[in-house]
Amino acid sequence: KKQYEDKNTEELKSIIAKATAAYISDKAESLGQEGEVTVTTKERDGVPYPEEVELTMPYDAELSRYITTELGIDAEHQLWRENAYG
């Protein structure tokens, strides 16, 4: 049973991370930004929540505020990597 629960938790973490990243990417595109978005989750009371986001694009204050207010990922947990290929 524990192994089954662990597998479900890992799948849920993956789904939440991918859905949150897609949500942020869509918002970034609407603001004229594009790049990679990677979300990391952390469990709170046994439920995975988005905790940290890494964005491979120039910093955007409006997108940062959106991530904080809509997704609860504060500025300290937003990692902006402007030049990912250099």
C-alpha atoms as a PDB file:
ATOM      1  CA  LYS A   1       0.000   0.000   0.000  1.00  0.00           C
ATOM      2  CA  LYS A   2       2.812   2.436   0.890  1.00  0.00           C
ATOM      3  CA  GLN A   3       4.501   1.843  -2.461  1.00  0.00           C
ATOM      4  CA  TYR A   4       1.190   2.510  -4.244  1.00  0.00           C
ATOM      5  CA  GLU A   5       0.703   5.743  -2.256  1.00  0.00           C
ATOM      6  CA  ASP A   6       4.269   6.850  -3.002  1.00  0.00           C
ATOM      7  CA  LYS A   7       3.724   6.229  -6.716  1.00  0.00           C
ATOM      8  CA  ASN A   8       0.483   8.236  -6.635  1.00  0.00           C
ATOM      9  CA  THR A   9       2.185  11.087  -4.772  1.00  0.00           C
ATOM     10  CA  GLU A  10       5.025  11.176  -7.309  1.00  0.00           C
ATOM     11  CA  GLU A  11       2.517  11.215 -10.192  1.00  0.00           C
ATOM     12  CA  LEU A  12       0.553  14.006  -8.506  1.00  0.00           C
ATOM     13  CA  LYS A  13       3.754  16.035  -7.968  1.00  0.00           C
ATOM     14  CA  SER A  14       4.610  15.620 -11.643  1.00  0.00           C
ATOM     15  CA  ILE A  15       1.117  16.634 -12.790  1.00  0.00           C
ATOM     16  CA  ILE A  16       1.077  19.708 -10.518  1.00  0.00           C
ATOM     17  CA  ALA A  17       4.587  20.760 -11.590  1.00  0.00           C
ATOM     18  CA  LYS A  18       3.780  20.391 -15.314  1.00  0.00           C
ATOM     19  CA  ALA A  19       0.382  22.098 -15.070  1.00  0.00           C
ATOM     20  CA  THR A  20       1.828  25.000 -13.059  1.00  0.00           C
ATOM     21  CA  ALA A  21       4.714  25.400 -15.518  1.00  0.00           C
ATOM     22  CA  ALA A  22       2.259  25.418 -18.446  1.00  0.00           C
ATOM     23  CA  TYR A  23       0.135  28.026 -16.655  1.00  0.00           C
ATOM     24  CA  ILE A  24       3.174  30.266 -16.087  1.00  0.00           C
ATOM     25  CA  SER A  25       4.346  29.761 -19.694  1.00  0.00           C
ATOM     26  CA  ASP A  26       0.937  30.812 -21.016  1.00  0.00           C
ATOM     27  CA  LYS A  27       0.989  33.947 -18.858  1.00  0.00           C
ATOM     28  CA  ALA A  28       4.572  34.707 -19.935  1.00  0.00           C
ATOM     29  CA  GLU A  29       3.569  34.405 -23.607  1.00  0.00           C
ATOM     30  CA  SER A  30       0.653  36.775 -23.062  1.00  0.00           C
ATOM     31  CA  LEU A  31       3.237  39.282 -21.759  1.00  0.00           C
ATOM     32  CA  GLY A  32       5.509  38.764 -24.764  1.00  0.00           C
ATOM     33  CA  GLN A  33       8.016  36.561 -22.937  1.00  0.00           C
ATOM     34  CA  GLU A  34       9.118  33.098 -23.847  1.00  0.00           C
ATOM     35  CA  GLY A  35      11.486  30.568 -22.396  1.00  0.00           C
ATOM     36  CA  GLU A  36      11.603  27.460 -20.277  1.00  0.00           C
ATOM     37  CA  VAL A  37       9.674  27.183 -17.034  1.00  0.00           C
ATOM     38  CA  THR A  38      10.443  24.471 -14.479  1.00  0.00           C
ATOM     39  CA  VAL A  39       8.388  24.100 -11.300  1.00  0.00           C
ATOM     40  CA  THR A  40       9.422  22.211  -8.164  1.00  0.00           C
ATOM     41  CA  THR A  41       6.823  21.039  -5.655  1.00  0.00           C
ATOM     42  CA  LYS A  42       6.981  20.483  -1.915  1.00  0.00           C
ATOM     43  CA  GLU A  43       4.554  18.543   0.239  1.00  0.00           C
ATOM     44  CA  ARG A  44       2.478  20.357   2.844  1.00  0.00           C
ATOM     45  CA  ASP A  45       0.279  18.124   4.975  1.00  0.00           C
ATOM     46  CA  GLY A  46       0.800  15.296   2.508  1.00  0.00           C
ATOM     47  CA  VAL A  47      -0.281  17.373  -0.517  1.00  0.00           C
ATOM     48  CA  PRO A  48       2.225  18.627  -3.116  1.00  0.00           C
ATOM     49  CA  TYR A  49       2.187  22.377  -3.794  1.00  0.00           C
ATOM     50  CA  PRO A  50       4.273  24.416  -6.246  1.00  0.00           C
ATOM     51  CA  GLU A  51       7.181  25.766  -4.214  1.00  0.00           C
ATOM     52  CA  GLU A  52       9.834  27.024  -6.597  1.00  0.00           C
ATOM     53  CA  VAL A  53       9.971  28.083 -10.234  1.00  0.00           C
ATOM     54  CA  GLU A  54      12.959  28.472 -12.510  1.00  0.00           C
ATOM     55  CA  LEU A  55      12.392  30.709 -15.525  1.00  0.00           C
ATOM     56  CA  THR A  56      14.800  30.867 -18.458  1.00  0.00           C
ATOM     57  CA  MET A  57      13.836  34.340 -19.681  1.00  0.00           C
ATOM     58  CA  PRO A  58      14.512  37.960 -18.781  1.00  0.00           C
ATOM     59  CA  TYR A  59      13.036  39.080 -15.458  1.00  0.00           C
ATOM     60  CA  ASP A  60       9.518  40.463 -15.803  1.00  0.00           C
ATOM     61  CA  ALA A  61       8.056  42.308 -12.810  1.00  0.00           C
ATOM     62  CA  GLU A  62       4.444  41.754 -13.886  1.00  0.00           C
ATOM     63  CA  LEU A  63       4.981  38.016 -14.372  1.00  0.00           C
ATOM     64  CA  SER A  64       6.788  37.819 -11.031  1.00  0.00           C
ATOM     65  CA  ARG A  65       3.860  39.510  -9.255  1.00  0.00           C
ATOM     66  CA  TYR A  66       1.438  37.169 -11.020  1.00  0.00           C
ATOM     67  CA  ILE A  67       3.397  34.096  -9.904  1.00  0.00           C
ATOM     68  CA  THR A  68       3.389  35.408  -6.331  1.00  0.00           C
ATOM     69  CA  THR A  69      -0.272  36.428  -6.143  1.00  0.00           C
ATOM     70  CA  GLU A  70      -1.870  33.687  -8.247  1.00  0.00           C
ATOM     71  CA  LEU A  71       0.366  30.730  -7.409  1.00  0.00           C
ATOM     72  CA  GLY A  72       1.802  31.640  -4.012  1.00  0.00           C
ATOM     73  CA  ILE A  73       5.434  31.294  -5.138  1.00  0.00           C
ATOM     74  CA  ASP A  74       7.212  34.275  -3.590  1.00  0.00           C
ATOM     75  CA  ALA A  75      10.078  36.191  -5.199  1.00  0.00           C
ATOM     76  CA  GLU A  76      12.689  34.297  -3.148  1.00  0.00           C
ATOM     77  CA  HIS A  77      11.518  31.078  -4.829  1.00  0.00           C
ATOM     78  CA  GLN A  78      11.567  32.480  -8.374  1.00  0.00           C
ATOM     79  CA  LEU A  79      14.875  31.819 -10.100  1.00  0.00           C
ATOM     80  CA  TRP A  80      15.254  33.978 -13.201  1.00  0.00           C
ATOM     81  CA  ARG A  81      17.952  32.807 -15.610  1.00  0.00           C
ATOM     82  CA  GLU A  82      18.198  35.433 -18.309  1.00  0.00           C
ATOM     83  CA  ASN A  83      20.992  33.852 -20.313  1.00  0.00           C
ATOM     84  CA  ALA A  84      20.552  30.086 -20.226  1.00  0.00           C
ATOM     85  CA  TYR A  85      22.647  29.385 -23.294  1.00  0.00           C
ATOM     86  CA  GLY A  86      25.737  31.400 -22.559  1.00  0.00           C
END
